Amino acid sequence: MVQAAGRFRELVAGRPWRRRRRAILAGTAIAALVVVAALVTAIFLPALQVHEVAVDGTGYVEEAEVRTIAAPRADGSVLLVPTGEIAEEVGALPGVASVDVERIWPDGVRVSITETTPIAVLTGLDGTSVVVGEDGQQLPAAAGEGETLVPLAVSSGSTDPEGAAAAMSEVLAEMPASLRGAVREVSASTTSDVSFELALEGGGTTTVVWGDARDAELKTEVVQALLGQPGSVIDVSSPVAPVTR
């Protein structure tokens, strides 16, 4: 009798907890369904459908190109706009240095871009010219309009014009602005014989034999240290053993 009474008390004591657990689980499920229903309803709300795609920051980059990428992906609820995908694809356009895509509540999307700064114009052996950006990449022709660009020229007789062009672009792109602003012309026939004319503060120019694109920071320091020395040529192709003549 004592054992039976004990088992009965255990069963009776356990039932309220089981009832509470079932109530908690049922309440959680109902709350989840309410949230899902609210989200589904919000997605289809007319007030949250994208009605405007704004594009900011375009100069030489064509706004129409940006819209061609952004508009189809911004069709529908502002809640579902894939901002990351849009930013990635717009960022791949030539001349786009960075891009930010944001939702403008309740019914808009804004794509804001920063364009790459053009720094040079490269002329190949065939006489064609392309604009080069501060990242060393080719930019749309419109990027050069109204800009003062450093001329880059592949030397005649070059056996590696593409390598020479890439080396010049890289050298100028990695050069600090303080030195780049004084560069008047860059030339090369290979990846390892880049040279340029540097304007001097007191007038006149000096020729800098830069060599390849390596050690840009060290070469810059050496050039700046030797600018006051006699001679019209500074050779820093080997920056640990520079030569003036």
C-alpha atoms as a PDB file:
ATOM      1  CA  MET A   1       0.000   0.000   0.000  1.00  0.00           C
ATOM      2  CA  VAL A   2       2.819   2.396   0.886  1.00  0.00           C
ATOM      3  CA  GLN A   3       4.641   1.699  -2.392  1.00  0.00           C
ATOM      4  CA  ALA A   4       1.452   2.120  -4.437  1.00  0.00           C
ATOM      5  CA  ALA A   5       0.667   5.400  -2.730  1.00  0.00           C
ATOM      6  CA  GLY A   6       4.199   6.657  -3.432  1.00  0.00           C
ATOM      7  CA  ARG A   7       3.959   5.823  -7.125  1.00  0.00           C
ATOM      8  CA  PHE A   8       0.590   7.560  -7.304  1.00  0.00           C
ATOM      9  CA  ARG A   9       2.008  10.722  -5.757  1.00  0.00           C
ATOM     10  CA  GLU A  10       4.951  10.674  -8.273  1.00  0.00           C
ATOM     11  CA  LEU A  11       2.543  10.393 -11.206  1.00  0.00           C
ATOM     12  CA  VAL A  12       0.340  13.167  -9.935  1.00  0.00           C
ATOM     13  CA  ALA A  13       3.324  15.431  -9.223  1.00  0.00           C
ATOM     14  CA  GLY A  14       4.778  14.920 -12.732  1.00  0.00           C
ATOM     15  CA  ARG A  15       1.672  15.732 -14.706  1.00  0.00           C
ATOM     16  CA  PRO A  16       1.635  19.542 -14.106  1.00  0.00           C
ATOM     17  CA  TRP A  17       5.174  19.853 -15.504  1.00  0.00           C
ATOM     18  CA  ARG A  18       4.249  17.845 -18.576  1.00  0.00           C
ATOM     19  CA  ARG A  19       1.231  20.063 -19.058  1.00  0.00           C
ATOM     20  CA  ARG A  20       3.393  23.201 -18.722  1.00  0.00           C
ATOM     21  CA  ARG A  21       5.946  21.827 -21.193  1.00  0.00           C
ATOM     22  CA  ARG A  22       3.251  21.118 -23.756  1.00  0.00           C
ATOM     23  CA  ALA A  23       1.864  24.617 -23.231  1.00  0.00           C
ATOM     24  CA  ILE A  24       5.324  26.175 -23.714  1.00  0.00           C
ATOM     25  CA  LEU A  25       5.936  24.204 -26.916  1.00  0.00           C
ATOM     26  CA  ALA A  26       2.516  25.094 -28.255  1.00  0.00           C
ATOM     27  CA  GLY A  27       3.035  28.772 -27.407  1.00  0.00           C
ATOM     28  CA  THR A  28       6.443  28.803 -29.124  1.00  0.00           C
ATOM     29  CA  ALA A  29       5.017  27.219 -32.259  1.00  0.00           C
ATOM     30  CA  ILE A  30       2.158  29.702 -32.374  1.00  0.00           C
ATOM     31  CA  ALA A  31       4.565  32.633 -31.910  1.00  0.00           C
ATOM     32  CA  ALA A  32       6.769  31.326 -34.746  1.00  0.00           C
ATOM     33  CA  LEU A  33       3.757  31.012 -37.035  1.00  0.00           C
ATOM     34  CA  VAL A  34       2.698  34.560 -36.194  1.00  0.00           C
ATOM     35  CA  VAL A  35       6.192  35.888 -37.013  1.00  0.00           C
ATOM     36  CA  VAL A  36       6.304  33.993 -40.319  1.00  0.00           C
ATOM     37  CA  ALA A  37       2.845  35.202 -41.234  1.00  0.00           C
ATOM     38  CA  ALA A  38       3.831  38.783 -40.411  1.00  0.00           C
ATOM     39  CA  LEU A  39       6.966  38.528 -42.564  1.00  0.00           C
ATOM     40  CA  VAL A  40       5.063  37.045 -45.497  1.00  0.00           C
ATOM     41  CA  THR A  41       2.470  39.762 -45.187  1.00  0.00           C
ATOM     42  CA  ALA A  42       5.178  42.457 -45.025  1.00  0.00           C
ATOM     43  CA  ILE A  43       6.911  41.100 -48.125  1.00  0.00           C
ATOM     44  CA  PHE A  44       3.783  41.583 -50.201  1.00  0.00           C
ATOM     45  CA  LEU A  45       2.757  44.926 -48.742  1.00  0.00           C
ATOM     46  CA  PRO A  46       2.411  47.483 -51.571  1.00  0.00           C
ATOM     47  CA  ALA A  47       4.077  50.113 -49.372  1.00  0.00           C
ATOM     48  CA  LEU A  48       7.275  48.013 -49.224  1.00  0.00           C
ATOM     49  CA  GLN A  49       7.575  47.329 -52.961  1.00  0.00           C
ATOM     50  CA  VAL A  50      10.620  49.040 -54.503  1.00  0.00           C
ATOM     51  CA  HIS A  51       9.575  52.079 -56.529  1.00  0.00           C
ATOM     52  CA  GLU A  52      12.898  53.884 -56.903  1.00  0.00           C
ATOM     53  CA  VAL A  53      16.532  52.930 -57.483  1.00  0.00           C
ATOM     54  CA  ALA A  54      18.799  55.932 -56.909  1.00  0.00           C
ATOM     55  CA  VAL A  55      22.383  55.998 -58.210  1.00  0.00           C
ATOM     56  CA  ASP A  56      24.915  58.405 -56.695  1.00  0.00           C
ATOM     57  CA  GLY A  57      28.566  59.161 -57.406  1.00  0.00           C
ATOM     58  CA  THR A  58      28.741  58.518 -61.150  1.00  0.00           C
ATOM     59  CA  GLY A  59      30.957  60.741 -63.234  1.00  0.00           C
ATOM     60  CA  TYR A  60      32.606  58.850 -66.062  1.00  0.00           C
ATOM     61  CA  VAL A  61      31.035  55.521 -65.077  1.00  0.00           C
ATOM     62  CA  GLU A  62      27.765  55.221 -66.975  1.00  0.00           C
ATOM     63  CA  GLU A  63      24.770  55.470 -64.651  1.00  0.00           C
ATOM     64  CA  ALA A  64      22.812  53.324 -67.111  1.00  0.00           C
ATOM     65  CA  GLU A  65      25.282  50.454 -66.595  1.00  0.00           C
ATOM     66  CA  VAL A  66      24.771  50.626 -62.851  1.00  0.00           C
ATOM     67  CA  ARG A  67      21.000  50.645 -63.259  1.00  0.00           C
ATOM     68  CA  THR A  68      21.125  47.694 -65.657  1.00  0.00           C
ATOM     69  CA  ILE A  69      22.679  45.654 -62.860  1.00  0.00           C
ATOM     70  CA  ALA A  70      20.712  47.029 -59.913  1.00  0.00           C
ATOM     71  CA  ALA A  71      17.174  47.455 -61.249  1.00  0.00           C
ATOM     72  CA  PRO A  72      16.324  43.794 -62.034  1.00  0.00           C
ATOM     73  CA  ARG A  73      17.545  42.702 -58.585  1.00  0.00           C
ATOM     74  CA  ALA A  74      15.614  45.456 -56.846  1.00  0.00           C
ATOM     75  CA  ASP A  75      12.294  44.344 -58.295  1.00  0.00           C
ATOM     76  CA  GLY A  76       9.904  43.391 -55.501  1.00  0.00           C
ATOM     77  CA  SER A  77       9.912  43.925 -51.772  1.00  0.00           C
ATOM     78  CA  VAL A  78      12.588  46.157 -50.291  1.00  0.00           C
ATOM     79  CA  LEU A  79      12.995  43.431 -47.654  1.00  0.00           C
ATOM     80  CA  LEU A  80      14.320  40.989 -50.265  1.00  0.00           C
ATOM     81  CA  VAL A  81      16.750  43.240 -52.146  1.00  0.00           C
ATOM     82  CA  PRO A  82      20.112  41.357 -52.399  1.00  0.00           C
ATOM     83  CA  THR A  83      22.308  44.318 -51.500  1.00  0.00           C
ATOM     84  CA  GLY A  84      25.477  42.209 -51.364  1.00  0.00           C
ATOM     85  CA  GLU A  85      24.984  40.749 -54.843  1.00  0.00           C
ATOM     86  CA  ILE A  86      24.283  44.164 -56.328  1.00  0.00           C
ATOM     87  CA  ALA A  87      27.381  45.640 -54.687  1.00  0.00           C
ATOM     88  CA  GLU A  88      29.559  42.794 -55.968  1.00  0.00           C
ATOM     89  CA  GLU A  89      28.392  43.119 -59.578  1.00  0.00           C
ATOM     90  CA  VAL A  90      28.487  46.913 -59.680  1.00  0.00           C
ATOM     91  CA  GLY A  91      31.941  46.810 -58.079  1.00  0.00           C
ATOM     92  CA  ALA A  92      33.193  44.765 -61.041  1.00  0.00           C
ATOM     93  CA  LEU A  93      32.475  47.600 -63.487  1.00  0.00           C
ATOM     94  CA  PRO A  94      35.633  49.318 -64.827  1.00  0.00           C
ATOM     95  CA  GLY A  95      36.282  52.477 -62.845  1.00  0.00           C
ATOM     96  CA  VAL A  96      34.311  51.568 -59.722  1.00  0.00           C
ATOM     97  CA  ALA A  97      36.660  51.741 -56.731  1.00  0.00           C
ATOM     98  CA  SER A  98      34.010  51.008 -54.097  1.00  0.00           C
ATOM     99  CA  VAL A  99      30.241  50.680 -53.889  1.00  0.00           C
ATOM    100  CA  ASP A 100      27.637  50.809 -51.146  1.00  0.00           C
ATOM    101  CA  VAL A 101      24.075  49.530 -51.599  1.00  0.00           C
ATOM    102  CA  GLU A 102      21.441  50.383 -48.994  1.00  0.00           C
ATOM    103  CA  ARG A 103      17.701  50.090 -48.538  1.00  0.00           C
ATOM    104  CA  ILE A 104      15.868  53.407 -48.328  1.00  0.00           C
ATOM    105  CA  TRP A 105      12.703  52.767 -46.367  1.00  0.00           C
ATOM    106  CA  PRO A 106      10.006  52.150 -47.187  1.00  0.00           C
ATOM    107  CA  ASP A 107      10.294  51.672 -50.946  1.00  0.00           C
ATOM    108  CA  GLY A 108      13.734  52.600 -52.306  1.00  0.00           C
ATOM    109  CA  VAL A 109      17.278  51.423 -52.923  1.00  0.00           C
ATOM    110  CA  ARG A 110      20.352  53.622 -53.223  1.00  0.00           C
ATOM    111  CA  VAL A 111      23.571  52.576 -55.002  1.00  0.00           C
ATOM    112  CA  SER A 112      26.465  54.881 -54.107  1.00  0.00           C
ATOM    113  CA  ILE A 113      29.773  54.441 -55.917  1.00  0.00           C
ATOM    114  CA  THR A 114      33.238  55.925 -55.638  1.00  0.00           C
ATOM    115  CA  GLU A 115      35.132  56.091 -58.909  1.00  0.00           C
ATOM    116  CA  THR A 116      38.788  55.233 -59.395  1.00  0.00           C
ATOM    117  CA  THR A 117      40.948  58.312 -59.874  1.00  0.00           C
ATOM    118  CA  PRO A 118      42.580  58.428 -63.353  1.00  0.00           C
ATOM    119  CA  ILE A 119      46.308  59.156 -63.215  1.00  0.00           C
ATOM    120  CA  ALA A 120      47.808  58.373 -66.613  1.00  0.00           C
ATOM    121  CA  VAL A 121      47.234  57.817 -70.300  1.00  0.00           C
ATOM    122  CA  LEU A 122      49.066  54.866 -71.860  1.00  0.00           C
ATOM    123  CA  THR A 123      50.079  54.918 -75.519  1.00  0.00           C
ATOM    124  CA  GLY A 124      50.928  51.597 -77.117  1.00  0.00           C
ATOM    125  CA  LEU A 125      53.143  50.812 -80.084  1.00  0.00           C
ATOM    126  CA  ASP A 126      50.119  50.920 -82.380  1.00  0.00           C
ATOM    127  CA  GLY A 127      49.397  54.492 -81.338  1.00  0.00           C
ATOM    128  CA  THR A 128      46.211  53.719 -79.419  1.00  0.00           C
ATOM    129  CA  SER A 129      45.759  55.264 -75.973  1.00  0.00           C
ATOM    130  CA  VAL A 130      43.955  54.097 -72.842  1.00  0.00           C
ATOM    131  CA  VAL A 131      43.362  55.799 -69.506  1.00  0.00           C
ATOM    132  CA  VAL A 132      44.948  54.194 -66.451  1.00  0.00           C
ATOM    133  CA  GLY A 133      43.590  54.508 -62.911  1.00  0.00           C
ATOM    134  CA  GLU A 134      45.371  54.787 -59.576  1.00  0.00           C
ATOM    135  CA  ASP A 135      44.851  51.051 -59.145  1.00  0.00           C
ATOM    136  CA  GLY A 136      46.816  50.402 -62.353  1.00  0.00           C
ATOM    137  CA  GLN A 137      43.748  49.201 -64.246  1.00  0.00           C
ATOM    138  CA  GLN A 138      42.375  50.456 -67.554  1.00  0.00           C
ATOM    139  CA  LEU A 139      39.470  52.895 -67.219  1.00  0.00           C
ATOM    140  CA  PRO A 140      36.745  54.014 -69.641  1.00  0.00           C
ATOM    141  CA  ALA A 141      37.930  56.691 -72.081  1.00  0.00           C
ATOM    142  CA  ALA A 142      35.568  59.214 -70.472  1.00  0.00           C
ATOM    143  CA  ALA A 143      37.671  59.062 -67.290  1.00  0.00           C
ATOM    144  CA  GLY A 144      40.373  61.152 -68.938  1.00  0.00           C
ATOM    145  CA  GLU A 145      38.166  64.035 -70.027  1.00  0.00           C
ATOM    146  CA  GLY A 146      39.319  67.273 -68.433  1.00  0.00           C
ATOM    147  CA  GLU A 147      42.035  65.509 -66.405  1.00  0.00           C
ATOM    148  CA  THR A 148      45.784  66.148 -66.355  1.00  0.00           C
ATOM    149  CA  LEU A 149      47.264  62.694 -66.904  1.00  0.00           C
ATOM    150  CA  VAL A 150      50.837  61.455 -66.925  1.00  0.00           C
ATOM    151  CA  PRO A 151      51.850  60.090 -70.360  1.00  0.00           C
ATOM    152  CA  LEU A 152      53.018  56.462 -70.384  1.00  0.00           C
ATOM    153  CA  ALA A 153      54.753  55.341 -73.568  1.00  0.00           C
ATOM    154  CA  VAL A 154      55.908  51.898 -74.659  1.00  0.00           C
ATOM    155  CA  SER A 155      59.326  52.414 -76.256  1.00  0.00           C
ATOM    156  CA  SER A 156      59.651  51.584 -79.946  1.00  0.00           C
ATOM    157  CA  GLY A 157      61.187  48.219 -80.633  1.00  0.00           C
ATOM    158  CA  SER A 158      59.794  46.725 -77.418  1.00  0.00           C
ATOM    159  CA  THR A 159      59.638  42.935 -77.458  1.00  0.00           C
ATOM    160  CA  ASP A 160      57.223  42.868 -74.534  1.00  0.00           C
ATOM    161  CA  PRO A 161      54.852  45.817 -74.953  1.00  0.00           C
ATOM    162  CA  GLU A 162      52.182  44.343 -72.691  1.00  0.00           C
ATOM    163  CA  GLY A 163      54.689  43.706 -69.914  1.00  0.00           C
ATOM    164  CA  ALA A 164      56.139  47.189 -70.313  1.00  0.00           C
ATOM    165  CA  ALA A 165      52.677  48.762 -70.158  1.00  0.00           C
ATOM    166  CA  ALA A 166      51.764  46.782 -67.035  1.00  0.00           C
ATOM    167  CA  ALA A 167      55.068  47.700 -65.347  1.00  0.00           C
ATOM    168  CA  MET A 168      54.632  51.420 -66.024  1.00  0.00           C
ATOM    169  CA  SER A 169      51.072  51.372 -64.745  1.00  0.00           C
ATOM    170  CA  GLU A 170      52.140  49.547 -61.593  1.00  0.00           C
ATOM    171  CA  VAL A 171      55.094  51.851 -60.950  1.00  0.00           C
ATOM    172  CA  LEU A 172      52.979  54.980 -61.238  1.00  0.00           C
ATOM    173  CA  ALA A 173      50.110  53.495 -59.208  1.00  0.00           C
ATOM    174  CA  GLU A 174      52.408  52.529 -56.318  1.00  0.00           C
ATOM    175  CA  MET A 175      54.281  55.814 -56.361  1.00  0.00           C
ATOM    176  CA  PRO A 176      53.301  58.241 -53.562  1.00  0.00           C
ATOM    177  CA  ALA A 177      51.294  61.256 -54.685  1.00  0.00           C
ATOM    178  CA  SER A 178      54.087  63.600 -53.574  1.00  0.00           C
ATOM    179  CA  LEU A 179      56.399  62.127 -56.220  1.00  0.00           C
ATOM    180  CA  ARG A 180      53.766  61.258 -58.811  1.00  0.00           C
ATOM    181  CA  GLY A 181      52.726  64.898 -59.068  1.00  0.00           C
ATOM    182  CA  ALA A 182      56.163  65.810 -60.419  1.00  0.00           C
ATOM    183  CA  VAL A 183      56.342  63.032 -63.035  1.00  0.00           C
ATOM    184  CA  ARG A 184      56.137  64.355 -66.578  1.00  0.00           C
ATOM    185  CA  GLU A 185      56.528  61.228 -68.725  1.00  0.00           C
ATOM    186  CA  VAL A 186      57.120  57.514 -68.186  1.00  0.00           C
ATOM    187  CA  SER A 187      58.590  55.093 -70.708  1.00  0.00           C
ATOM    188  CA  ALA A 188      59.634  51.429 -70.815  1.00  0.00           C
ATOM    189  CA  SER A 189      60.364  48.676 -73.293  1.00  0.00           C
ATOM    190  CA  THR A 190      60.300  45.772 -70.804  1.00  0.00           C
ATOM    191  CA  THR A 191      59.091  45.076 -67.295  1.00  0.00           C
ATOM    192  CA  SER A 192      62.480  46.011 -65.833  1.00  0.00           C
ATOM    193  CA  ASP A 193      63.531  49.273 -67.530  1.00  0.00           C
ATOM    194  CA  VAL A 194      60.914  51.806 -66.448  1.00  0.00           C
ATOM    195  CA  SER A 195      62.196  55.391 -66.437  1.00  0.00           C
ATOM    196  CA  PHE A 196      60.577  58.810 -66.207  1.00  0.00           C
ATOM    197  CA  GLU A 197      61.187  62.529 -66.360  1.00  0.00           C
ATOM    198  CA  LEU A 198      60.804  64.325 -63.046  1.00  0.00           C
ATOM    199  CA  ALA A 199      60.136  68.065 -62.853  1.00  0.00           C
ATOM    200  CA  LEU A 200      62.303  69.932 -60.347  1.00  0.00           C
ATOM    201  CA  GLU A 201      61.061  72.664 -58.055  1.00  0.00           C
ATOM    202  CA  GLY A 202      63.565  75.210 -59.322  1.00  0.00           C
ATOM    203  CA  GLY A 203      62.847  74.423 -62.964  1.00  0.00           C
ATOM    204  CA  GLY A 204      64.278  71.850 -65.321  1.00  0.00           C
ATOM    205  CA  THR A 205      63.952  68.072 -65.137  1.00  0.00           C
ATOM    206  CA  THR A 206      65.915  65.025 -64.131  1.00  0.00           C
ATOM    207  CA  THR A 207      65.681  61.505 -65.507  1.00  0.00           C
ATOM    208  CA  VAL A 208      64.936  58.736 -63.033  1.00  0.00           C
ATOM    209  CA  VAL A 209      65.827  55.174 -64.005  1.00  0.00           C
ATOM    210  CA  TRP A 210      63.396  53.211 -61.873  1.00  0.00           C
ATOM    211  CA  GLY A 211      63.878  49.673 -63.171  1.00  0.00           C
ATOM    212  CA  ASP A 212      61.088  47.222 -62.297  1.00  0.00           C
ATOM    213  CA  ALA A 213      58.065  47.790 -60.079  1.00  0.00           C
ATOM    214  CA  ARG A 214      59.592  46.331 -56.925  1.00  0.00           C
ATOM    215  CA  ASP A 215      60.716  48.278 -53.835  1.00  0.00           C
ATOM    216  CA  ALA A 216      58.609  51.332 -54.653  1.00  0.00           C
ATOM    217  CA  GLU A 217      58.816  52.772 -51.132  1.00  0.00           C
ATOM    218  CA  LEU A 218      62.600  52.419 -50.883  1.00  0.00           C
ATOM    219  CA  LYS A 219      63.156  53.789 -54.384  1.00  0.00           C
ATOM    220  CA  THR A 220      61.001  56.806 -53.594  1.00  0.00           C
ATOM    221  CA  GLU A 221      63.052  57.574 -50.473  1.00  0.00           C
ATOM    222  CA  VAL A 222      66.325  57.258 -52.397  1.00  0.00           C
ATOM    223  CA  VAL A 223      65.135  59.488 -55.246  1.00  0.00           C
ATOM    224  CA  GLN A 224      63.998  62.195 -52.848  1.00  0.00           C
ATOM    225  CA  ALA A 225      67.326  62.014 -51.003  1.00  0.00           C
ATOM    226  CA  LEU A 226      69.349  62.368 -54.221  1.00  0.00           C
ATOM    227  CA  LEU A 227      67.390  65.159 -55.905  1.00  0.00           C
ATOM    228  CA  GLY A 228      69.816  67.786 -54.656  1.00  0.00           C
ATOM    229  CA  GLN A 229      72.906  65.967 -55.923  1.00  0.00           C
ATOM    230  CA  PRO A 230      74.785  66.962 -59.121  1.00  0.00           C
ATOM    231  CA  GLY A 231      73.811  65.191 -62.322  1.00  0.00           C
ATOM    232  CA  SER A 232      70.802  64.843 -64.547  1.00  0.00           C
ATOM    233  CA  VAL A 233      70.142  61.130 -64.049  1.00  0.00           C
ATOM    234  CA  ILE A 234      69.223  59.233 -60.889  1.00  0.00           C
ATOM    235  CA  ASP A 235      69.389  55.456 -61.244  1.00  0.00           C
ATOM    236  CA  VAL A 236      67.535  53.571 -58.512  1.00  0.00           C
ATOM    237  CA  SER A 237      67.007  50.342 -60.423  1.00  0.00           C
ATOM    238  CA  SER A 238      69.115  48.878 -57.608  1.00  0.00           C
ATOM    239  CA  PRO A 239      67.980  51.084 -54.692  1.00  0.00           C
ATOM    240  CA  VAL A 240      70.636  49.796 -52.290  1.00  0.00           C
ATOM    241  CA  ALA A 241      73.324  50.952 -54.738  1.00  0.00           C
ATOM    242  CA  PRO A 242      71.916  54.064 -56.444  1.00  0.00           C
ATOM    243  CA  VAL A 243      73.864  55.993 -59.067  1.00  0.00           C
ATOM    244  CA  THR A 244      73.750  59.655 -60.139  1.00  0.00           C
ATOM    245  CA  ARG A 245      75.364  60.937 -63.308  1.00  0.00           C
END
